[in-house]
Amino acid sequence: MPDIDCRVAKLEQRIDSLIKELNEDKADNKEALDRIEQNLNSVLEKIAKYQGFAGGIMFVMGGVYTVATYFFNNKP
């Protein structure tokens, strides 16, 4: 019987150590996910800043293209 009790005790120790490692990994993953989320938020803020500028440039380029096309296609 002592052999079985010893084996059970070893298994309990292994399970406890595995649970402890999983909890540590979970905490590490949470920190990594938080850093990724912060980086994504900063990228989204930068994109939002330049979105209006890029839209304005595209609008002006579209107008220039339309006017140029109109004048070049309507030759007398």
N, C-alpha and C. Protein backbone atom coordinates (compact mmCIF):
# COMPACT_ATOMS: atom_id res chain seq x y z
N MET A 1 0.79 -1.21 0.00
CA MET A 1 0.00 0.00 0.00
C MET A 1 0.83 1.28 0.00
N PRO A 2 1.95 1.31 0.69
CA PRO A 2 2.73 2.56 0.69
C PRO A 2 3.19 2.95 -0.71
N ASP A 3 3.36 1.95 -1.57
CA ASP A 3 3.80 2.24 -2.93
C ASP A 3 2.73 3.05 -3.68
N ILE A 4 1.48 2.68 -3.52
CA ILE A 4 0.39 3.40 -4.18
C ILE A 4 0.27 4.81 -3.62
N ASP A 5 0.39 4.94 -2.30
CA ASP A 5 0.30 6.27 -1.69
C ASP A 5 1.42 7.18 -2.18
N CYS A 6 2.59 6.62 -2.35
CA CYS A 6 3.73 7.39 -2.85
C CYS A 6 3.48 7.84 -4.29
N ARG A 7 2.95 6.94 -5.11
CA ARG A 7 2.65 7.28 -6.50
C ARG A 7 1.59 8.37 -6.58
N VAL A 8 0.56 8.26 -5.76
CA VAL A 8 -0.50 9.26 -5.75
C VAL A 8 0.06 10.62 -5.33
N ALA A 9 0.92 10.62 -4.34
CA ALA A 9 1.52 11.87 -3.87
C ALA A 9 2.37 12.51 -4.98
N LYS A 10 3.12 11.70 -5.71
CA LYS A 10 3.93 12.22 -6.81
C LYS A 10 3.04 12.79 -7.92
N LEU A 11 1.96 12.09 -8.22
CA LEU A 11 1.03 12.59 -9.24
C LEU A 11 0.41 13.91 -8.81
N GLU A 12 0.04 14.02 -7.54
CA GLU A 12 -0.52 15.27 -7.04
C GLU A 12 0.49 16.42 -7.15
N GLN A 13 1.76 16.13 -6.85
CA GLN A 13 2.80 17.15 -6.98
C GLN A 13 2.95 17.58 -8.44
N ARG A 14 2.93 16.62 -9.36
CA ARG A 14 3.05 16.94 -10.78
C ARG A 14 1.87 17.79 -11.25
N ILE A 15 0.68 17.40 -10.82
CA ILE A 15 -0.52 18.16 -11.20
C ILE A 15 -0.45 19.57 -10.66
N ASP A 16 -0.05 19.71 -9.41
CA ASP A 16 0.08 21.04 -8.81
C ASP A 16 1.10 21.89 -9.55
N SER A 17 2.24 21.29 -9.91
CA SER A 17 3.26 22.06 -10.63
C SER A 17 2.78 22.44 -12.02
N LEU A 18 2.05 21.56 -12.70
CA LEU A 18 1.50 21.87 -14.03
C LEU A 18 0.47 23.00 -13.95
N ILE A 19 -0.37 22.96 -12.93
CA ILE A 19 -1.37 24.02 -12.75
C ILE A 19 -0.67 25.35 -12.49
N LYS A 20 0.37 25.32 -11.70
CA LYS A 20 1.13 26.54 -11.41
C LYS A 20 1.76 27.10 -12.69
N GLU A 21 2.35 26.23 -13.50
CA GLU A 21 2.96 26.67 -14.76
C GLU A 21 1.91 27.23 -15.71
N LEU A 22 0.75 26.59 -15.79
CA LEU A 22 -0.32 27.09 -16.66
C LEU A 22 -0.79 28.48 -16.23
N ASN A 23 -0.90 28.69 -14.93
CA ASN A 23 -1.32 30.01 -14.44
C ASN A 23 -0.27 31.08 -14.75
N GLU A 24 1.01 30.72 -14.66
CA GLU A 24 2.07 31.66 -15.00
C GLU A 24 2.05 31.98 -16.49
N ASP A 25 1.85 30.95 -17.32
CA ASP A 25 1.77 31.17 -18.77
C ASP A 25 0.57 32.04 -19.12
N LYS A 26 -0.52 31.83 -18.41
CA LYS A 26 -1.72 32.62 -18.66
C LYS A 26 -1.47 34.09 -18.35
N ALA A 27 -0.75 34.35 -17.27
CA ALA A 27 -0.43 35.74 -16.90
C ALA A 27 0.50 36.36 -17.95
N ASP A 28 1.48 35.59 -18.43
CA ASP A 28 2.39 36.09 -19.46
C ASP A 28 1.64 36.40 -20.75
N ASN A 29 0.72 35.50 -21.11
CA ASN A 29 -0.07 35.72 -22.32
C ASN A 29 -0.94 36.95 -22.20
N LYS A 30 -1.49 37.19 -21.02
CA LYS A 30 -2.33 38.37 -20.81
C LYS A 30 -1.51 39.64 -20.98
N GLU A 31 -0.30 39.65 -20.47
CA GLU A 31 0.58 40.82 -20.64
C GLU A 31 0.90 41.03 -22.12
N ALA A 32 1.18 39.96 -22.84
CA ALA A 32 1.49 40.08 -24.26
C ALA A 32 0.27 40.58 -25.04
N LEU A 33 -0.90 40.08 -24.71
CA LEU A 33 -2.11 40.54 -25.38
C LEU A 33 -2.40 42.01 -25.08
N ASP A 34 -2.12 42.44 -23.86
CA ASP A 34 -2.31 43.85 -23.52
C ASP A 34 -1.38 44.74 -24.34
N ARG A 35 -0.12 44.31 -24.50
CA ARG A 35 0.82 45.09 -25.30
C ARG A 35 0.39 45.14 -26.77
N ILE A 36 -0.09 44.02 -27.29
CA ILE A 36 -0.57 43.99 -28.68
C ILE A 36 -1.76 44.92 -28.85
N GLU A 37 -2.67 44.91 -27.88
CA GLU A 37 -3.84 45.78 -27.96
C GLU A 37 -3.44 47.25 -27.93
N GLN A 38 -2.47 47.60 -27.10
CA GLN A 38 -1.99 48.99 -27.05
C GLN A 38 -1.39 49.40 -28.40
N ASN A 39 -0.60 48.51 -29.00
CA ASN A 39 0.01 48.82 -30.29
C ASN A 39 -1.05 48.99 -31.37
N LEU A 40 -2.05 48.13 -31.38
CA LEU A 40 -3.11 48.24 -32.37
C LEU A 40 -3.90 49.54 -32.20
N ASN A 41 -4.15 49.91 -30.95
CA ASN A 41 -4.87 51.17 -30.72
C ASN A 41 -4.07 52.37 -31.21
N SER A 42 -2.75 52.36 -31.01
CA SER A 42 -1.94 53.48 -31.49
C SER A 42 -1.92 53.52 -33.02
N VAL A 43 -1.89 52.36 -33.66
CA VAL A 43 -1.92 52.32 -35.13
C VAL A 43 -3.25 52.86 -35.64
N LEU A 44 -4.34 52.45 -35.01
CA LEU A 44 -5.66 52.93 -35.43
C LEU A 44 -5.79 54.44 -35.25
N GLU A 45 -5.22 54.98 -34.19
CA GLU A 45 -5.25 56.43 -33.99
C GLU A 45 -4.48 57.15 -35.09
N LYS A 46 -3.32 56.62 -35.46
CA LYS A 46 -2.53 57.24 -36.52
C LYS A 46 -3.25 57.16 -37.86
N ILE A 47 -3.88 56.04 -38.13
CA ILE A 47 -4.62 55.90 -39.39
C ILE A 47 -5.76 56.90 -39.44
N ALA A 48 -6.45 57.07 -38.33
CA ALA A 48 -7.58 58.00 -38.29
C ALA A 48 -7.10 59.44 -38.52
N LYS A 49 -5.90 59.75 -38.04
CA LYS A 49 -5.35 61.10 -38.24
C LYS A 49 -5.13 61.40 -39.72
N TYR A 50 -4.57 60.45 -40.43
CA TYR A 50 -4.19 60.68 -41.82
C TYR A 50 -5.30 60.34 -42.81
N GLN A 51 -6.39 59.77 -42.33
CA GLN A 51 -7.48 59.37 -43.22
C GLN A 51 -8.10 60.58 -43.92
N GLY A 52 -8.33 61.66 -43.20
CA GLY A 52 -8.90 62.86 -43.81
C GLY A 52 -7.96 63.49 -44.82
N PHE A 53 -6.69 63.50 -44.52
CA PHE A 53 -5.69 64.06 -45.42
C PHE A 53 -5.64 63.26 -46.72
N ALA A 54 -5.59 61.96 -46.61
CA ALA A 54 -5.54 61.10 -47.81
C ALA A 54 -6.83 61.23 -48.61
N GLY A 55 -7.97 61.34 -47.93
CA GLY A 55 -9.24 61.51 -48.63
C GLY A 55 -9.28 62.82 -49.40
N GLY A 56 -8.74 63.88 -48.82
CA GLY A 56 -8.68 65.17 -49.50
C GLY A 56 -7.81 65.12 -50.74
N ILE A 57 -6.69 64.47 -50.64
CA ILE A 57 -5.79 64.34 -51.80
C ILE A 57 -6.48 63.56 -52.91
N MET A 58 -7.16 62.47 -52.56
CA MET A 58 -7.86 61.67 -53.57
C MET A 58 -8.98 62.48 -54.22
N PHE A 59 -9.67 63.30 -53.44
CA PHE A 59 -10.74 64.13 -53.99
C PHE A 59 -10.18 65.13 -55.00
N VAL A 60 -9.07 65.78 -54.64
CA VAL A 60 -8.45 66.75 -55.54
C VAL A 60 -7.94 66.06 -56.80
N MET A 61 -7.31 64.91 -56.66
CA MET A 61 -6.81 64.19 -57.83
C MET A 61 -7.95 63.76 -58.74
N GLY A 62 -9.07 63.35 -58.16
CA GLY A 62 -10.23 62.98 -58.96
C GLY A 62 -10.78 64.17 -59.72
N GLY A 63 -10.80 65.34 -59.08
CA GLY A 63 -11.26 66.55 -59.77
C GLY A 63 -10.34 66.94 -60.90
N VAL A 64 -9.04 66.88 -60.68
CA VAL A 64 -8.08 67.21 -61.73
C VAL A 64 -8.22 66.23 -62.89
N TYR A 65 -8.39 64.96 -62.61
CA TYR A 65 -8.55 63.95 -63.66
C TYR A 65 -9.83 64.20 -64.46
N THR A 66 -10.90 64.54 -63.76
CA THR A 66 -12.17 64.80 -64.44
C THR A 66 -12.07 66.01 -65.36
N VAL A 67 -11.47 67.09 -64.88
CA VAL A 67 -11.32 68.30 -65.69
C VAL A 67 -10.40 68.03 -66.88
N ALA A 68 -9.31 67.34 -66.65
CA ALA A 68 -8.37 67.03 -67.74
C ALA A 68 -9.04 66.14 -68.79
N THR A 69 -9.77 65.16 -68.36
CA THR A 69 -10.47 64.27 -69.29
C THR A 69 -11.50 65.04 -70.10
N TYR A 70 -12.20 65.93 -69.46
CA TYR A 70 -13.22 66.73 -70.15
C TYR A 70 -12.58 67.58 -71.25
N PHE A 71 -11.46 68.24 -70.93
CA PHE A 71 -10.83 69.13 -71.91
C PHE A 71 -10.16 68.35 -73.05
N PHE A 72 -9.55 67.23 -72.76
CA PHE A 72 -8.86 66.48 -73.79
C PHE A 72 -9.81 65.70 -74.70
N ASN A 73 -10.97 65.34 -74.20
CA ASN A 73 -11.92 64.59 -75.02
C ASN A 73 -12.86 65.49 -75.83
N ASN A 74 -12.91 66.77 -75.55
CA ASN A 74 -13.80 67.69 -76.24
C ASN A 74 -12.99 68.62 -77.15
N LYS A 75 -12.20 68.05 -78.04
CA LYS A 75 -11.42 68.87 -78.97
C LYS A 75 -12.32 69.30 -80.12
N PRO A 76 -12.20 70.56 -80.57
CA PRO A 76 -13.03 71.03 -81.69
C PRO A 76 -12.58 70.49 -83.03
